[in-house]
Amino acid sequence: LRDFLLVYNRMTELCFRHCVCNLNYRLLTGREESCLDSCAARLVRANHRLMGAYVGLMPALLQRRAAEHGALAGPSGLPASPEPASGPAES
């Protein structure tokens, strides 16, 4: 939810700065409104493409992380323990 709100706020700010040039009127002009519609549509399409690529790459990332975690763990699946220090043997 936090990430969604950050993206939404950033998109709103970018489109507002790009499209609204006159703050003397309460309502948007037709030109400003169409600019905001197209700006928001472009950013939403770009976000959908990025999310699609992320969803496509996510399984490979998870597999790689699992393999790295498995390599760090010992053969039993438990973390490898450090080698015992050489010293006097206890009886």
Protein backbone atom coordinates (compact mmCIF):
# COMPACT_ATOMS: atom_id res chain seq x y z
CA LEU A 1 0.00 0.00 0.00
CA ARG A 2 2.86 2.36 0.85
CA ASP A 3 4.54 1.75 -2.51
CA PHE A 4 1.26 2.26 -4.35
CA LEU A 5 0.68 5.57 -2.58
CA LEU A 6 4.22 6.73 -3.32
CA VAL A 7 3.79 5.94 -7.02
CA TYR A 8 0.37 7.62 -7.09
CA ASN A 9 1.66 10.77 -5.36
CA ARG A 10 4.69 10.99 -7.62
CA MET A 11 2.53 10.54 -10.72
CA THR A 12 0.11 13.22 -9.52
CA GLU A 13 2.95 15.66 -8.88
CA LEU A 14 4.63 15.02 -12.25
CA CYS A 15 1.44 15.41 -14.25
CA PHE A 16 0.33 18.48 -12.30
CA ARG A 17 3.67 20.24 -12.83
CA HIS A 18 3.69 19.29 -16.50
CA CYS A 19 0.09 20.17 -17.36
CA VAL A 20 -1.22 22.87 -15.04
CA CYS A 21 0.29 26.24 -15.78
CA ASN A 22 -2.38 28.68 -14.58
CA LEU A 23 -3.62 28.61 -10.98
CA ASN A 24 -5.90 31.64 -11.39
CA TYR A 25 -9.01 29.53 -12.03
CA ARG A 26 -10.81 27.05 -9.85
CA LEU A 27 -11.51 24.58 -12.66
CA LEU A 28 -9.12 23.05 -15.16
CA THR A 29 -9.16 24.25 -18.73
CA GLY A 30 -9.96 21.72 -21.45
CA ARG A 31 -6.33 21.70 -22.50
CA GLU A 32 -5.11 21.05 -18.95
CA GLU A 33 -7.65 18.29 -18.47
CA SER A 34 -6.70 16.46 -21.65
CA CYS A 35 -3.01 16.87 -20.81
CA LEU A 36 -3.58 15.38 -17.34
CA ASP A 37 -5.57 12.47 -18.81
CA SER A 38 -2.86 11.58 -21.31
CA CYS A 39 -0.05 12.09 -18.77
CA ALA A 40 -1.71 9.82 -16.22
CA ALA A 41 -2.50 7.22 -18.90
CA ARG A 42 1.15 7.16 -20.04
CA LEU A 43 2.43 6.73 -16.50
CA VAL A 44 -0.12 4.02 -15.68
CA ARG A 45 0.83 2.09 -18.85
CA ALA A 46 4.52 2.42 -17.97
CA ASN A 47 3.82 1.22 -14.43
CA HIS A 48 1.89 -1.79 -15.78
CA ARG A 49 4.80 -2.70 -18.07
CA LEU A 50 7.26 -2.44 -15.18
CA MET A 51 5.07 -4.57 -12.92
CA GLY A 52 4.71 -7.15 -15.70
CA ALA A 53 8.47 -7.35 -16.07
CA TYR A 54 8.88 -7.56 -12.29
CA VAL A 55 6.35 -10.40 -12.04
CA GLY A 56 8.16 -12.20 -14.87
CA LEU A 57 11.57 -11.87 -13.18
CA MET A 58 10.43 -12.63 -9.65
CA PRO A 59 10.48 -16.48 -9.91
CA ALA A 60 14.08 -16.41 -11.20
CA LEU A 61 15.12 -14.06 -8.37
CA LEU A 62 13.48 -16.29 -5.78
CA GLN A 63 15.18 -19.38 -7.20
CA ARG A 64 18.56 -17.67 -7.17
CA ARG A 65 18.08 -16.54 -3.56
CA ALA A 66 17.00 -20.04 -2.56
CA ALA A 67 20.08 -21.50 -4.28
CA GLU A 68 22.35 -18.99 -2.54
CA HIS A 69 20.72 -19.76 0.79
CA GLY A 70 21.11 -23.49 0.11
CA ALA A 71 24.79 -23.02 -0.72
CA LEU A 72 25.35 -21.16 2.55
CA ALA A 73 23.58 -23.90 4.49
CA GLY A 74 25.24 -27.22 5.08
CA PRO A 75 24.08 -30.43 3.38
CA SER A 76 21.55 -31.03 6.17
CA GLY A 77 19.91 -27.69 5.40
CA LEU A 78 21.21 -26.14 8.61
CA PRO A 79 23.70 -23.30 8.58
CA ALA A 80 27.26 -24.54 8.40
CA SER A 81 28.99 -24.42 11.78
CA PRO A 82 32.48 -22.98 12.09
CA GLU A 83 35.42 -25.37 12.37
CA PRO A 84 36.27 -26.23 16.00
CA ALA A 85 39.30 -24.39 17.24
CA SER A 86 42.32 -26.56 17.80
CA GLY A 87 43.34 -26.60 21.42
CA PRO A 88 43.76 -28.94 24.33
CA ALA A 89 41.39 -31.87 24.11
CA GLU A 90 38.99 -32.38 26.99
CA SER A 91 38.74 -35.82 28.58
